Amino acid sequence: MNKKGVGITLLALGIVSYLIRESIHYIGATLLSFKFSGISNTTIKSNLSLIPPPFSMTVPTILVIFGIFYLVWSELERK
């Protein structure tokens, strides 16, 4: 696979892992709100502060940085 393909793949993996992280966080807060007091905007916001995010932002950040690096590298090498 060429550098551009690797860059796009890493960038896509970083974005997907970030979206999964946020989705798990919000689904957990919604389930907690529904279990205890019903769903409303204020209960979901208060429960978001109670539930820690499922994993840190390190992995998505590193994947996005490497993806951008590979994309820039492929464009510089082509010229």
C-alpha atoms as a PDB file:
ATOM      1  CA  MET A   1       0.000   0.000   0.000  1.00  0.00           C
ATOM      2  CA  ASN A   2       1.347   3.434  -0.814  1.00  0.00           C
ATOM      3  CA  LYS A   3       1.823   6.275   1.652  1.00  0.00           C
ATOM      4  CA  LYS A   4      -1.389   8.016   0.660  1.00  0.00           C
ATOM      5  CA  GLY A   5      -3.419   4.852   1.310  1.00  0.00           C
ATOM      6  CA  VAL A   6      -1.757   4.369   4.690  1.00  0.00           C
ATOM      7  CA  GLY A   7      -2.435   8.010   5.596  1.00  0.00           C
ATOM      8  CA  ILE A   8      -6.099   7.793   4.668  1.00  0.00           C
ATOM      9  CA  THR A   9      -6.468   4.508   6.564  1.00  0.00           C
ATOM     10  CA  LEU A  10      -4.840   5.897   9.717  1.00  0.00           C
ATOM     11  CA  LEU A  11      -6.929   9.058   9.520  1.00  0.00           C
ATOM     12  CA  ALA A  12     -10.130   7.044   9.121  1.00  0.00           C
ATOM     13  CA  LEU A  13      -9.211   4.758  12.033  1.00  0.00           C
ATOM     14  CA  GLY A  14      -8.529   7.773  14.257  1.00  0.00           C
ATOM     15  CA  ILE A  15     -11.873   9.354  13.423  1.00  0.00           C
ATOM     16  CA  VAL A  16     -13.796   6.095  13.865  1.00  0.00           C
ATOM     17  CA  SER A  17     -12.144   5.380  17.230  1.00  0.00           C
ATOM     18  CA  TYR A  18     -13.041   8.894  18.415  1.00  0.00           C
ATOM     19  CA  LEU A  19     -16.665   8.436  17.323  1.00  0.00           C
ATOM     20  CA  ILE A  20     -16.877   5.064  19.079  1.00  0.00           C
ATOM     21  CA  ARG A  21     -15.436   6.594  22.249  1.00  0.00           C
ATOM     22  CA  GLU A  22     -17.975   9.406  22.286  1.00  0.00           C
ATOM     23  CA  SER A  23     -20.861   7.092  21.400  1.00  0.00           C
ATOM     24  CA  ILE A  24     -20.063   4.728  24.269  1.00  0.00           C
ATOM     25  CA  HIS A  25     -19.853   7.685  26.655  1.00  0.00           C
ATOM     26  CA  TYR A  26     -23.232   9.130  25.653  1.00  0.00           C
ATOM     27  CA  ILE A  27     -24.963   5.737  25.523  1.00  0.00           C
ATOM     28  CA  GLY A  28     -23.739   4.991  29.047  1.00  0.00           C
ATOM     29  CA  ALA A  29     -25.002   8.327  30.357  1.00  0.00           C
ATOM     30  CA  THR A  30     -28.370   7.845  28.650  1.00  0.00           C
ATOM     31  CA  LEU A  31     -28.792   4.367  30.092  1.00  0.00           C
ATOM     32  CA  LEU A  32     -27.898   5.619  33.556  1.00  0.00           C
ATOM     33  CA  SER A  33     -30.388   8.479  33.234  1.00  0.00           C
ATOM     34  CA  PHE A  34     -33.126   6.154  32.041  1.00  0.00           C
ATOM     35  CA  LYS A  35     -32.495   3.688  34.846  1.00  0.00           C
ATOM     36  CA  PHE A  36     -32.675   6.206  37.695  1.00  0.00           C
ATOM     37  CA  SER A  37     -34.912   9.117  36.782  1.00  0.00           C
ATOM     38  CA  GLY A  38     -36.056   9.100  33.183  1.00  0.00           C
ATOM     39  CA  ILE A  39     -34.523  10.826  30.216  1.00  0.00           C
ATOM     40  CA  SER A  40     -34.242  14.610  30.066  1.00  0.00           C
ATOM     41  CA  ASN A  41     -31.507  17.022  29.016  1.00  0.00           C
ATOM     42  CA  THR A  42     -30.534  17.932  32.557  1.00  0.00           C
ATOM     43  CA  THR A  43     -30.232  14.346  33.790  1.00  0.00           C
ATOM     44  CA  ILE A  44     -28.132  13.312  30.806  1.00  0.00           C
ATOM     45  CA  LYS A  45     -25.792  16.286  31.323  1.00  0.00           C
ATOM     46  CA  SER A  46     -25.399  15.520  35.022  1.00  0.00           C
ATOM     47  CA  ASN A  47     -24.788  11.819  34.328  1.00  0.00           C
ATOM     48  CA  LEU A  48     -22.165  12.625  31.690  1.00  0.00           C
ATOM     49  CA  SER A  49     -20.035  14.118  34.443  1.00  0.00           C
ATOM     50  CA  LEU A  50     -20.447  10.936  36.530  1.00  0.00           C
ATOM     51  CA  ILE A  51     -19.323   8.513  33.828  1.00  0.00           C
ATOM     52  CA  PRO A  52     -15.665   8.673  32.816  1.00  0.00           C
ATOM     53  CA  PRO A  53     -14.916   8.309  29.111  1.00  0.00           C
ATOM     54  CA  PRO A  54     -14.222   4.687  28.145  1.00  0.00           C
ATOM     55  CA  PHE A  55     -10.634   5.302  27.034  1.00  0.00           C
ATOM     56  CA  SER A  56      -8.300   8.223  26.675  1.00  0.00           C
ATOM     57  CA  MET A  57      -7.884  10.400  23.603  1.00  0.00           C
ATOM     58  CA  THR A  58      -4.306   9.186  23.118  1.00  0.00           C
ATOM     59  CA  VAL A  59      -5.042   6.514  20.514  1.00  0.00           C
ATOM     60  CA  PRO A  60      -7.316   8.620  18.247  1.00  0.00           C
ATOM     61  CA  THR A  61      -4.948  11.583  18.481  1.00  0.00           C
ATOM     62  CA  ILE A  62      -1.896   9.517  17.548  1.00  0.00           C
ATOM     63  CA  LEU A  63      -3.732   7.877  14.644  1.00  0.00           C
ATOM     64  CA  VAL A  64      -4.892  11.238  13.254  1.00  0.00           C
ATOM     65  CA  ILE A  65      -1.414  12.775  13.611  1.00  0.00           C
ATOM     66  CA  PHE A  66       0.249   9.833  11.836  1.00  0.00           C
ATOM     67  CA  GLY A  67      -2.450   9.881   9.156  1.00  0.00           C
ATOM     68  CA  ILE A  68      -1.860  13.566   8.437  1.00  0.00           C
ATOM     69  CA  PHE A  69       1.913  12.972   8.513  1.00  0.00           C
ATOM     70  CA  TYR A  70       1.665  10.188   5.915  1.00  0.00           C
ATOM     71  CA  LEU A  71      -0.628  12.258   3.682  1.00  0.00           C
ATOM     72  CA  VAL A  72       1.754  15.234   3.762  1.00  0.00           C
ATOM     73  CA  TRP A  73       4.738  12.933   3.220  1.00  0.00           C
ATOM     74  CA  SER A  74       3.123  11.339   0.174  1.00  0.00           C
ATOM     75  CA  GLU A  75       2.379  14.754  -1.346  1.00  0.00           C
ATOM     76  CA  LEU A  76       5.912  16.049  -0.690  1.00  0.00           C
ATOM     77  CA  GLU A  77       7.483  12.916  -2.135  1.00  0.00           C
ATOM     78  CA  ARG A  78       5.402  13.153  -5.305  1.00  0.00           C
ATOM     79  CA  LYS A  79       6.789  16.606  -6.182  1.00  0.00           C
END
